[in-house]
Full PDB file with SEQRES, HELIX, SHEET, SSBOND, CRYST1, ORIGX, SCALE, CONECT and MASTER records, all heavy atoms in Angstrom:
SEQRES   1 A   32  LEU ARG ALA MET GLY ILE ARG THR VAL MET VAL THR GLY          
SEQRES   2 A   32  ASP ASN PRO LEU THR ALA LYS ALA ILE ALA ALA GLN ALA          
SEQRES   3 A   32  GLY VAL ASP ASP TYR LEU                                      
HELIX    1 AA1 PRO A   16  ALA A   26  1                                  11    
SHEET    1 AA1 2 VAL A   9  MET A  10  0                                        
SHEET    2 AA1 2 ASP A  30  TYR A  31  1                                        
CRYST1    1.000    1.000    1.000  90.00  90.00  90.00 P 1           1          
ORIGX1      1.000000  0.000000  0.000000        0.00000                         
ORIGX2      0.000000  1.000000  0.000000        0.00000                         
ORIGX3      0.000000  0.000000  1.000000        0.00000                         
SCALE1      1.000000  0.000000  0.000000        0.00000                         
SCALE2      0.000000  1.000000  0.000000        0.00000                         
SCALE3      0.000000  0.000000  1.000000        0.00000                         
ATOM      1  N   LEU A   1     130.128 101.711  98.450  1.00  0.00           N  
ATOM      2  CA  LEU A   1     129.918 103.070  98.684  1.00  0.00           C  
ATOM      3  C   LEU A   1     129.625 103.443 100.147  1.00  0.00           C  
ATOM      4  O   LEU A   1     130.077 104.478 100.683  1.00  0.00           O  
ATOM      5  CB  LEU A   1     128.866 103.612  97.752  1.00  0.00           C  
ATOM      6  CG  LEU A   1     129.158 103.638  96.235  1.00  0.00           C  
ATOM      7  CD1 LEU A   1     127.945 103.893  95.392  1.00  0.00           C  
ATOM      8  CD2 LEU A   1     130.290 104.539  95.892  1.00  0.00           C  
ATOM      9  N   ARG A   2     128.830 102.583 100.772  1.00  0.00           N  
ATOM     10  CA  ARG A   2     128.407 102.772 102.119  1.00  0.00           C  
ATOM     11  C   ARG A   2     129.686 102.666 103.005  1.00  0.00           C  
ATOM     12  O   ARG A   2     129.817 103.460 103.985  1.00  0.00           O  
ATOM     13  CB  ARG A   2     127.412 101.801 102.580  1.00  0.00           C  
ATOM     14  CG  ARG A   2     126.611 102.077 103.873  1.00  0.00           C  
ATOM     15  CD  ARG A   2     125.629 101.047 104.156  1.00  0.00           C  
ATOM     16  NE  ARG A   2     124.568 101.170 103.145  1.00  0.00           N  
ATOM     17  CZ  ARG A   2     124.351 100.153 102.208  1.00  0.00           C  
ATOM     18  NH1 ARG A   2     125.091  99.104 102.257  1.00  0.00           N  
ATOM     19  NH2 ARG A   2     123.405 100.284 101.257  1.00  0.00           N  
ATOM     20  N   ALA A   3     130.554 101.718 102.656  1.00  0.00           N  
ATOM     21  CA  ALA A   3     131.845 101.599 103.336  1.00  0.00           C  
ATOM     22  C   ALA A   3     132.708 102.935 103.348  1.00  0.00           C  
ATOM     23  O   ALA A   3     133.498 103.200 104.233  1.00  0.00           O  
ATOM     24  CB  ALA A   3     132.629 100.374 102.896  1.00  0.00           C  
ATOM     25  N   MET A   4     132.585 103.663 102.209  1.00  0.00           N  
ATOM     26  CA  MET A   4     133.250 104.850 102.005  1.00  0.00           C  
ATOM     27  C   MET A   4     132.595 106.101 102.681  1.00  0.00           C  
ATOM     28  O   MET A   4     133.136 107.160 102.532  1.00  0.00           O  
ATOM     29  CB  MET A   4     133.517 105.068 100.508  1.00  0.00           C  
ATOM     30  CG  MET A   4     134.400 104.094  99.869  1.00  0.00           C  
ATOM     31  SD  MET A   4     134.640 104.597  98.070  1.00  0.00           S  
ATOM     32  CE  MET A   4     132.992 104.514  97.371  1.00  0.00           C  
ATOM     33  N   GLY A   5     131.416 105.842 103.314  1.00  0.00           N  
ATOM     34  CA  GLY A   5     130.705 106.917 103.910  1.00  0.00           C  
ATOM     35  C   GLY A   5     129.740 107.721 102.925  1.00  0.00           C  
ATOM     36  O   GLY A   5     129.397 108.802 103.243  1.00  0.00           O  
ATOM     37  N   ILE A   6     129.481 107.080 101.758  1.00  0.00           N  
ATOM     38  CA  ILE A   6     128.688 107.774 100.757  1.00  0.00           C  
ATOM     39  C   ILE A   6     127.259 107.228 100.857  1.00  0.00           C  
ATOM     40  O   ILE A   6     127.009 105.940 100.911  1.00  0.00           O  
ATOM     41  CB  ILE A   6     129.273 107.503  99.413  1.00  0.00           C  
ATOM     42  CG1 ILE A   6     130.641 108.106  99.301  1.00  0.00           C  
ATOM     43  CG2 ILE A   6     128.260 108.139  98.291  1.00  0.00           C  
ATOM     44  CD1 ILE A   6     131.235 107.921  97.879  1.00  0.00           C  
ATOM     45  N   ARG A   7     126.276 108.110 101.013  1.00  0.00           N  
ATOM     46  CA  ARG A   7     124.871 107.767 101.052  1.00  0.00           C  
ATOM     47  C   ARG A   7     124.262 107.743  99.644  1.00  0.00           C  
ATOM     48  O   ARG A   7     124.501 108.702  98.880  1.00  0.00           O  
ATOM     49  CB  ARG A   7     124.140 108.758 101.981  1.00  0.00           C  
ATOM     50  CG  ARG A   7     122.626 108.649 102.174  1.00  0.00           C  
ATOM     51  CD  ARG A   7     122.166 109.497 103.169  1.00  0.00           C  
ATOM     52  NE  ARG A   7     120.658 109.515 103.321  1.00  0.00           N  
ATOM     53  CZ  ARG A   7     119.922 110.391 102.644  1.00  0.00           C  
ATOM     54  NH1 ARG A   7     120.399 111.444 101.976  1.00  0.00           N  
ATOM     55  NH2 ARG A   7     118.555 110.359 102.730  1.00  0.00           N  
ATOM     56  N   THR A   8     123.563 106.586  99.400  1.00  0.00           N  
ATOM     57  CA  THR A   8     122.909 106.534  98.021  1.00  0.00           C  
ATOM     58  C   THR A   8     121.391 106.629  98.209  1.00  0.00           C  
ATOM     59  O   THR A   8     120.822 106.226  98.999  1.00  0.00           O  
ATOM     60  CB  THR A   8     123.186 105.179  97.420  1.00  0.00           C  
ATOM     61  OG1 THR A   8     122.827 104.099  98.344  1.00  0.00           O  
ATOM     62  CG2 THR A   8     124.690 105.022  97.032  1.00  0.00           C  
ATOM     63  N   VAL A   9     120.901 107.516  97.126  1.00  0.00           N  
ATOM     64  CA  VAL A   9     119.461 107.796  97.156  1.00  0.00           C  
ATOM     65  C   VAL A   9     118.950 107.461  95.827  1.00  0.00           C  
ATOM     66  O   VAL A   9     119.452 107.971  94.760  1.00  0.00           O  
ATOM     67  CB  VAL A   9     119.122 109.264  97.539  1.00  0.00           C  
ATOM     68  CG1 VAL A   9     117.683 109.502  97.479  1.00  0.00           C  
ATOM     69  CG2 VAL A   9     119.745 109.710  98.856  1.00  0.00           C  
ATOM     70  N   MET A  10     117.941 106.526  95.729  1.00  0.00           N  
ATOM     71  CA  MET A  10     117.325 106.281  94.435  1.00  0.00           C  
ATOM     72  C   MET A  10     116.141 107.173  94.194  1.00  0.00           C  
ATOM     73  O   MET A  10     115.272 107.403  95.065  1.00  0.00           O  
ATOM     74  CB  MET A  10     116.814 104.743  94.489  1.00  0.00           C  
ATOM     75  CG  MET A  10     116.139 104.299  93.245  1.00  0.00           C  
ATOM     76  SD  MET A  10     115.389 102.655  93.449  1.00  0.00           S  
ATOM     77  CE  MET A  10     113.846 103.038  94.322  1.00  0.00           C  
ATOM     78  N   VAL A  11     116.149 107.672  92.987  1.00  0.00           N  
ATOM     79  CA  VAL A  11     115.142 108.661  92.549  1.00  0.00           C  
ATOM     80  C   VAL A  11     114.273 108.011  91.487  1.00  0.00           C  
ATOM     81  O   VAL A  11     114.768 107.454  90.515  1.00  0.00           O  
ATOM     82  CB  VAL A  11     115.782 109.958  92.021  1.00  0.00           C  
ATOM     83  CG1 VAL A  11     114.669 110.912  91.627  1.00  0.00           C  
ATOM     84  CG2 VAL A  11     116.662 110.601  93.058  1.00  0.00           C  
ATOM     85  N   THR A  12     112.950 107.904  91.749  1.00  0.00           N  
ATOM     86  CA  THR A  12     112.080 107.328  90.832  1.00  0.00           C  
ATOM     87  C   THR A  12     110.724 108.033  90.799  1.00  0.00           C  
ATOM     88  O   THR A  12     110.285 108.665  91.686  1.00  0.00           O  
ATOM     89  CB  THR A  12     111.889 105.841  91.181  1.00  0.00           C  
ATOM     90  OG1 THR A  12     110.972 105.217  90.369  1.00  0.00           O  
ATOM     91  CG2 THR A  12     111.424 105.696  92.634  1.00  0.00           C  
ATOM     92  N   GLY A  13     110.076 107.783  89.639  1.00  0.00           N  
ATOM     93  CA  GLY A  13     108.605 108.315  89.546  1.00  0.00           C  
ATOM     94  C   GLY A  13     107.671 107.241  90.038  1.00  0.00           C  
ATOM     95  O   GLY A  13     106.437 107.503  90.080  1.00  0.00           O  
ATOM     96  N   ASP A  14     108.160 106.058  90.514  1.00  0.00           N  
ATOM     97  CA  ASP A  14     107.224 104.973  91.090  1.00  0.00           C  
ATOM     98  C   ASP A  14     106.509 105.470  92.318  1.00  0.00           C  
ATOM     99  O   ASP A  14     106.995 106.384  93.036  1.00  0.00           O  
ATOM    100  CB  ASP A  14     108.024 103.734  91.217  1.00  0.00           C  
ATOM    101  CG  ASP A  14     108.324 103.042  89.922  1.00  0.00           C  
ATOM    102  OD1 ASP A  14     107.771 103.395  88.954  1.00  0.00           O  
ATOM    103  OD2 ASP A  14     109.328 102.298  90.081  1.00  0.00           O  
ATOM    104  N   ASN A  15     105.422 104.700  92.583  1.00  0.00           N  
ATOM    105  CA  ASN A  15     104.770 105.010  93.893  1.00  0.00           C  
ATOM    106  C   ASN A  15     105.616 104.557  95.025  1.00  0.00           C  
ATOM    107  O   ASN A  15     106.626 103.743  94.815  1.00  0.00           O  
ATOM    108  CB  ASN A  15     103.444 104.305  93.897  1.00  0.00           C  
ATOM    109  CG  ASN A  15     103.585 102.754  93.855  1.00  0.00           C  
ATOM    110  OD1 ASN A  15     104.039 102.179  94.818  1.00  0.00           O  
ATOM    111  ND2 ASN A  15     103.185 102.202  92.698  1.00  0.00           N  
ATOM    112  N   PRO A  16     105.373 104.993  96.256  1.00  0.00           N  
ATOM    113  CA  PRO A  16     106.240 104.709  97.353  1.00  0.00           C  
ATOM    114  C   PRO A  16     106.376 103.257  97.627  1.00  0.00           C  
ATOM    115  O   PRO A  16     107.544 102.824  98.085  1.00  0.00           O  
ATOM    116  CB  PRO A  16     105.536 105.476  98.552  1.00  0.00           C  
ATOM    117  CG  PRO A  16     104.736 106.623  97.886  1.00  0.00           C  
ATOM    118  CD  PRO A  16     104.359 106.027  96.615  1.00  0.00           C  
ATOM    119  N   LEU A  17     105.371 102.507  97.513  1.00  0.00           N  
ATOM    120  CA  LEU A  17     105.553 101.052  97.731  1.00  0.00           C  
ATOM    121  C   LEU A  17     106.467 100.364  96.822  1.00  0.00           C  
ATOM    122  O   LEU A  17     107.337  99.590  97.332  1.00  0.00           O  
ATOM    123  CB  LEU A  17     104.132 100.363  97.790  1.00  0.00           C  
ATOM    124  CG  LEU A  17     103.217 100.606  98.945  1.00  0.00           C  
ATOM    125  CD1 LEU A  17     101.822  99.931  98.627  1.00  0.00           C  
ATOM    126  CD2 LEU A  17     103.703  99.952 100.124  1.00  0.00           C  
ATOM    127  N   THR A  18     106.288 100.625  95.555  1.00  0.00           N  
ATOM    128  CA  THR A  18     107.281 100.095  94.553  1.00  0.00           C  
ATOM    129  C   THR A  18     108.603 100.588  94.804  1.00  0.00           C  
ATOM    130  O   THR A  18     109.644  99.808  94.813  1.00  0.00           O  
ATOM    131  CB  THR A  18     106.806 100.438  93.099  1.00  0.00           C  
ATOM    132  OG1 THR A  18     105.499  99.975  93.014  1.00  0.00           O  
ATOM    133  CG2 THR A  18     107.766  99.911  92.054  1.00  0.00           C  
ATOM    134  N   ALA A  19     108.752 101.822  95.097  1.00  0.00           N  
ATOM    135  CA  ALA A  19     110.086 102.399  95.302  1.00  0.00           C  
ATOM    136  C   ALA A  19     110.743 101.780  96.456  1.00  0.00           C  
ATOM    137  O   ALA A  19     111.988 101.467  96.456  1.00  0.00           O  
ATOM    138  CB  ALA A  19     110.026 103.929  95.525  1.00  0.00           C  
ATOM    139  N   LYS A  20     110.055 101.548  97.557  1.00  0.00           N  
ATOM    140  CA  LYS A  20     110.644 100.897  98.761  1.00  0.00           C  
ATOM    141  C   LYS A  20     111.054  99.504  98.490  1.00  0.00           C  
ATOM    142  O   LYS A  20     112.155  99.120  98.975  1.00  0.00           O  
ATOM    143  CB  LYS A  20     109.545 100.911  99.821  1.00  0.00           C  
ATOM    144  CG  LYS A  20     110.004 100.368 101.166  1.00  0.00           C  
ATOM    145  CD  LYS A  20     108.853 100.295 102.227  1.00  0.00           C  
ATOM    146  CE  LYS A  20     109.418  99.715 103.548  1.00  0.00           C  
ATOM    147  NZ  LYS A  20     108.390  99.663 104.607  1.00  0.00           N  
ATOM    148  N   ALA A  21     110.323  98.747  97.761  1.00  0.00           N  
ATOM    149  CA  ALA A  21     110.737  97.344  97.430  1.00  0.00           C  
ATOM    150  C   ALA A  21     111.976  97.365  96.594  1.00  0.00           C  
ATOM    151  O   ALA A  21     112.906  96.504  96.852  1.00  0.00           O  
ATOM    152  CB  ALA A  21     109.547  96.624  96.742  1.00  0.00           C  
ATOM    153  N   ILE A  22     112.050  98.172  95.511  1.00  0.00           N  
ATOM    154  CA  ILE A  22     113.186  98.116  94.718  1.00  0.00           C  
ATOM    155  C   ILE A  22     114.443  98.646  95.389  1.00  0.00           C  
ATOM    156  O   ILE A  22     115.592  98.095  95.268  1.00  0.00           O  
ATOM    157  CB  ILE A  22     112.970  99.060  93.485  1.00  0.00           C  
ATOM    158  CG1 ILE A  22     111.876  98.485  92.509  1.00  0.00           C  
ATOM    159  CG2 ILE A  22     114.281  99.304  92.589  1.00  0.00           C  
ATOM    160  CD1 ILE A  22     112.302  97.208  91.829  1.00  0.00           C  
ATOM    161  N   ALA A  23     114.251  99.618  96.323  1.00  0.00           N  
ATOM    162  CA  ALA A  23     115.357 100.174  97.128  1.00  0.00           C  
ATOM    163  C   ALA A  23     115.881  99.082  98.123  1.00  0.00           C  
ATOM    164  O   ALA A  23     117.132  98.981  98.159  1.00  0.00           O  
ATOM    165  CB  ALA A  23     114.875 101.356  97.911  1.00  0.00           C  
ATOM    166  N   ALA A  24     114.987  98.263  98.628  1.00  0.00           N  
ATOM    167  CA  ALA A  24     115.510  97.231  99.490  1.00  0.00           C  
ATOM    168  C   ALA A  24     116.257  96.149  98.649  1.00  0.00           C  
ATOM    169  O   ALA A  24     117.290  95.628  99.090  1.00  0.00           O  
ATOM    170  CB  ALA A  24     114.308  96.643 100.194  1.00  0.00           C  
ATOM    171  N   GLN A  25     115.733  95.824  97.584  1.00  0.00           N  
ATOM    172  CA  GLN A  25     116.307  94.793  96.650  1.00  0.00           C  
ATOM    173  C   GLN A  25     117.739  95.236  96.194  1.00  0.00           C  
ATOM    174  O   GLN A  25     118.672  94.432  96.144  1.00  0.00           O  
ATOM    175  CB  GLN A  25     115.384  94.506  95.509  1.00  0.00           C  
ATOM    176  CG  GLN A  25     115.973  93.292  94.609  1.00  0.00           C  
ATOM    177  CD  GLN A  25     114.935  93.108  93.448  1.00  0.00           C  
ATOM    178  OE1 GLN A  25     113.886  93.585  93.358  1.00  0.00           O  
ATOM    179  NE2 GLN A  25     115.412  92.221  92.564  1.00  0.00           N  
ATOM    180  N   ALA A  26     117.763  96.562  95.778  1.00  0.00           N  
ATOM    181  CA  ALA A  26     119.153  97.075  95.320  1.00  0.00           C  
ATOM    182  C   ALA A  26     120.084  97.365  96.452  1.00  0.00           C  
ATOM    183  O   ALA A  26     121.334  97.353  96.153  1.00  0.00           O  
ATOM    184  CB  ALA A  26     118.790  98.360  94.340  1.00  0.00           C  
ATOM    185  N   GLY A  27     119.584  97.699  97.617  1.00  0.00           N  
ATOM    186  CA  GLY A  27     120.501  97.983  98.714  1.00  0.00           C  
ATOM    187  C   GLY A  27     120.889  99.469  98.873  1.00  0.00           C  
ATOM    188  O   GLY A  27     121.925  99.785  99.484  1.00  0.00           O  
ATOM    189  N   VAL A  28     120.065 100.309  98.304  1.00  0.00           N  
ATOM    190  CA  VAL A  28     120.347 101.793  98.518  1.00  0.00           C  
ATOM    191  C   VAL A  28     119.947 102.251  99.914  1.00  0.00           C  
ATOM    192  O   VAL A  28     119.194 101.531 100.590  1.00  0.00           O  
ATOM    193  CB  VAL A  28     119.627 102.631  97.415  1.00  0.00           C  
ATOM    194  CG1 VAL A  28     120.135 102.306  96.034  1.00  0.00           C  
ATOM    195  CG2 VAL A  28     118.080 102.422  97.480  1.00  0.00           C  
ATOM    196  N   ASP A  29     120.498 103.336 100.312  1.00  0.00           N  
ATOM    197  CA  ASP A  29     120.175 103.819 101.627  1.00  0.00           C  
ATOM    198  C   ASP A  29     118.868 104.523 101.782  1.00  0.00           C  
ATOM    199  O   ASP A  29     118.326 104.481 102.805  1.00  0.00           O  
ATOM    200  CB  ASP A  29     121.294 104.743 102.137  1.00  0.00           C  
ATOM    201  CG  ASP A  29     122.681 104.088 102.186  1.00  0.00           C  
ATOM    202  OD1 ASP A  29     122.822 103.001 102.691  1.00  0.00           O  
ATOM    203  OD2 ASP A  29     123.678 104.627 101.473  1.00  0.00           O  
ATOM    204  N   ASP A  30     118.383 105.150 100.772  1.00  0.00           N  
ATOM    205  CA  ASP A  30     117.192 105.878 100.778  1.00  0.00           C  
ATOM    206  C   ASP A  30     116.650 105.956  99.359  1.00  0.00           C  
ATOM    207  O   ASP A  30     117.231 105.645  98.441  1.00  0.00           O  
ATOM    208  CB  ASP A  30     117.413 107.291 101.433  1.00  0.00           C  
ATOM    209  CG  ASP A  30     116.099 107.845 101.986  1.00  0.00           C  
ATOM    210  OD1 ASP A  30     115.019 107.357 101.872  1.00  0.00           O  
ATOM    211  OD2 ASP A  30     116.256 108.900 102.520  1.00  0.00           O  
ATOM    212  N   TYR A  31     115.359 106.450  99.366  1.00  0.00           N  
ATOM    213  CA  TYR A  31     114.662 106.583  97.992  1.00  0.00           C  
ATOM    214  C   TYR A  31     113.866 107.790  98.018  1.00  0.00           C  
ATOM    215  O   TYR A  31     113.296 108.224  99.039  1.00  0.00           O  
ATOM    216  CB  TYR A  31     113.957 105.351  97.588  1.00  0.00           C  
ATOM    217  CG  TYR A  31     112.786 105.095  98.563  1.00  0.00           C  
ATOM    218  CD1 TYR A  31     111.480 105.514  98.303  1.00  0.00           C  
ATOM    219  CD2 TYR A  31     112.950 104.239  99.747  1.00  0.00           C  
ATOM    220  CE1 TYR A  31     110.541 105.171  99.185  1.00  0.00           C  
ATOM    221  CE2 TYR A  31     111.973 103.983 100.579  1.00  0.00           C  
ATOM    222  CZ  TYR A  31     110.667 104.426 100.312  1.00  0.00           C  
ATOM    223  OH  TYR A  31     109.621 104.169 101.168  1.00  0.00           O  
ATOM    224  N   LEU A  32     113.547 108.354  96.832  1.00  0.00           N  
ATOM    225  CA  LEU A  32     112.667 109.444  96.669  1.00  0.00           C  
ATOM    226  C   LEU A  32     111.606 109.058  95.579  1.00  0.00           C  
ATOM    227  O   LEU A  32     112.033 108.753  94.415  1.00  0.00           O  
ATOM    228  CB  LEU A  32     113.404 110.738  96.149  1.00  0.00           C  
ATOM    229  CG  LEU A  32     112.505 111.965  95.848  1.00  0.00           C  
ATOM    230  CD1 LEU A  32     111.844 112.395  97.167  1.00  0.00           C  
ATOM    231  CD2 LEU A  32     113.371 113.063  95.277  1.00  0.00           C  
TER     232      LEU A  32                                                      
MASTER        0    0    0    1    2    0    0    6  231    1    0    3          
END                                                                             
């Protein structure tokens, strides 16, 4: 998706630290 120019954002109710770790593991561009 990134190669196509599409930005991915993970949306979660988790706290920021957990969200950051999962986002890094999954390879998304950003998280909320």
